[in-house]
Amino acid sequence: MEKVINYLTGFFGGLMAVMMAIVPVTILWYVLTGGDVWGMDVITNLTGLVNSFGTGGFSGLVVLVLLATFFVKK
């Protein structure tokens, strides 16, 4: 069972690393070309996410801190 958990943890960790590498590339693509990436407007989505944290008050701050802990290297 421990092998399965380690395998899944490694898989999702690698998947998250790939996604975090894609985000800056999509932002740069949008800035340089002004075009959507895979039908998504990356800048608008990120702006909406930041705005939702800002309008969420204390609960938005708590969610932001919890989300940030996922991206901090231990």
C-alpha atoms as a PDB file:
ATOM      1  CA  MET A   1       0.000   0.000   0.000  1.00  0.00           C
ATOM      2  CA  GLU A   2       2.892   2.322   0.738  1.00  0.00           C
ATOM      3  CA  LYS A   3       4.243   1.821  -2.793  1.00  0.00           C
ATOM      4  CA  VAL A   4       0.892   2.823  -4.278  1.00  0.00           C
ATOM      5  CA  ILE A   5       0.736   5.990  -2.179  1.00  0.00           C
ATOM      6  CA  ASN A   6       4.319   6.887  -3.094  1.00  0.00           C
ATOM      7  CA  TYR A   7       3.569   6.250  -6.770  1.00  0.00           C
ATOM      8  CA  LEU A   8       0.461   8.451  -6.722  1.00  0.00           C
ATOM      9  CA  THR A   9       2.251  11.187  -4.798  1.00  0.00           C
ATOM     10  CA  GLY A  10       5.094  11.158  -7.311  1.00  0.00           C
ATOM     11  CA  PHE A  11       2.695  11.168 -10.245  1.00  0.00           C
ATOM     12  CA  PHE A  12       0.644  14.112  -9.009  1.00  0.00           C
ATOM     13  CA  GLY A  13       3.798  15.959  -7.937  1.00  0.00           C
ATOM     14  CA  GLY A  14       5.201  15.576 -11.451  1.00  0.00           C
ATOM     15  CA  LEU A  15       1.909  16.625 -13.000  1.00  0.00           C
ATOM     16  CA  MET A  16       1.838  19.746 -10.837  1.00  0.00           C
ATOM     17  CA  ALA A  17       5.435  20.553 -11.833  1.00  0.00           C
ATOM     18  CA  VAL A  18       4.493  20.335 -15.520  1.00  0.00           C
ATOM     19  CA  MET A  19       1.465  22.581 -14.998  1.00  0.00           C
ATOM     20  CA  MET A  20       3.528  25.140 -13.092  1.00  0.00           C
ATOM     21  CA  ALA A  21       6.003  25.186 -15.991  1.00  0.00           C
ATOM     22  CA  ILE A  22       3.211  25.725 -18.521  1.00  0.00           C
ATOM     23  CA  VAL A  23       1.618  28.734 -16.752  1.00  0.00           C
ATOM     24  CA  PRO A  24       4.513  31.191 -17.389  1.00  0.00           C
ATOM     25  CA  VAL A  25       4.749  30.060 -21.010  1.00  0.00           C
ATOM     26  CA  THR A  26       1.035  30.665 -21.569  1.00  0.00           C
ATOM     27  CA  ILE A  27       1.286  34.116 -19.965  1.00  0.00           C
ATOM     28  CA  LEU A  28       4.247  34.995 -22.185  1.00  0.00           C
ATOM     29  CA  TRP A  29       2.393  33.690 -25.244  1.00  0.00           C
ATOM     30  CA  TYR A  30      -0.617  35.865 -24.419  1.00  0.00           C
ATOM     31  CA  VAL A  31       1.544  38.953 -23.870  1.00  0.00           C
ATOM     32  CA  LEU A  32       3.508  38.483 -27.096  1.00  0.00           C
ATOM     33  CA  THR A  33       0.691  37.448 -29.418  1.00  0.00           C
ATOM     34  CA  GLY A  34      -2.507  38.552 -27.692  1.00  0.00           C
ATOM     35  CA  GLY A  35      -4.025  35.187 -28.581  1.00  0.00           C
ATOM     36  CA  ASP A  36      -5.695  32.625 -26.388  1.00  0.00           C
ATOM     37  CA  VAL A  37      -3.930  29.409 -25.462  1.00  0.00           C
ATOM     38  CA  TRP A  38      -6.070  26.278 -25.951  1.00  0.00           C
ATOM     39  CA  GLY A  39      -9.178  28.469 -25.953  1.00  0.00           C
ATOM     40  CA  MET A  40      -8.420  29.999 -22.550  1.00  0.00           C
ATOM     41  CA  ASP A  41      -7.692  33.623 -21.753  1.00  0.00           C
ATOM     42  CA  VAL A  42      -4.974  33.104 -19.139  1.00  0.00           C
ATOM     43  CA  ILE A  43      -4.657  36.725 -18.006  1.00  0.00           C
ATOM     44  CA  THR A  44      -8.411  37.106 -17.453  1.00  0.00           C
ATOM     45  CA  ASN A  45      -8.533  33.857 -15.485  1.00  0.00           C
ATOM     46  CA  LEU A  46      -5.623  34.896 -13.255  1.00  0.00           C
ATOM     47  CA  THR A  47      -7.131  38.349 -12.736  1.00  0.00           C
ATOM     48  CA  GLY A  48     -10.452  36.803 -11.745  1.00  0.00           C
ATOM     49  CA  LEU A  49      -8.695  34.472  -9.300  1.00  0.00           C
ATOM     50  CA  VAL A  50      -6.832  37.320  -7.624  1.00  0.00           C
ATOM     51  CA  ASN A  51     -10.002  39.419  -7.463  1.00  0.00           C
ATOM     52  CA  SER A  52     -11.927  36.565  -5.855  1.00  0.00           C
ATOM     53  CA  PHE A  53      -9.272  36.300  -3.140  1.00  0.00           C
ATOM     54  CA  GLY A  54      -9.484  40.058  -2.590  1.00  0.00           C
ATOM     55  CA  THR A  55     -13.260  40.183  -2.310  1.00  0.00           C
ATOM     56  CA  GLY A  56     -13.370  37.073  -0.117  1.00  0.00           C
ATOM     57  CA  GLY A  57     -12.240  38.958   2.983  1.00  0.00           C
ATOM     58  CA  PHE A  58     -10.780  36.803   5.740  1.00  0.00           C
ATOM     59  CA  SER A  59     -11.933  33.543   4.160  1.00  0.00           C
ATOM     60  CA  GLY A  60     -10.214  34.570   0.904  1.00  0.00           C
ATOM     61  CA  LEU A  61      -7.018  35.178   2.841  1.00  0.00           C
ATOM     62  CA  VAL A  62      -7.234  31.765   4.512  1.00  0.00           C
ATOM     63  CA  VAL A  63      -7.786  30.038   1.162  1.00  0.00           C
ATOM     64  CA  LEU A  64      -4.887  31.970  -0.367  1.00  0.00           C
ATOM     65  CA  VAL A  65      -2.550  30.911   2.450  1.00  0.00           C
ATOM     66  CA  LEU A  66      -3.654  27.272   2.152  1.00  0.00           C
ATOM     67  CA  LEU A  67      -3.181  27.373  -1.600  1.00  0.00           C
ATOM     68  CA  ALA A  68       0.261  28.956  -1.240  1.00  0.00           C
ATOM     69  CA  THR A  69       1.404  26.140   1.051  1.00  0.00           C
ATOM     70  CA  PHE A  70       0.983  23.702  -1.844  1.00  0.00           C
ATOM     71  CA  PHE A  71       3.542  25.591  -3.912  1.00  0.00           C
ATOM     72  CA  VAL A  72       6.230  26.069  -1.254  1.00  0.00           C
ATOM     73  CA  LYS A  73       9.111  23.638  -1.487  1.00  0.00           C
ATOM     74  CA  LYS A  74       9.755  21.795   1.745  1.00  0.00           C
END
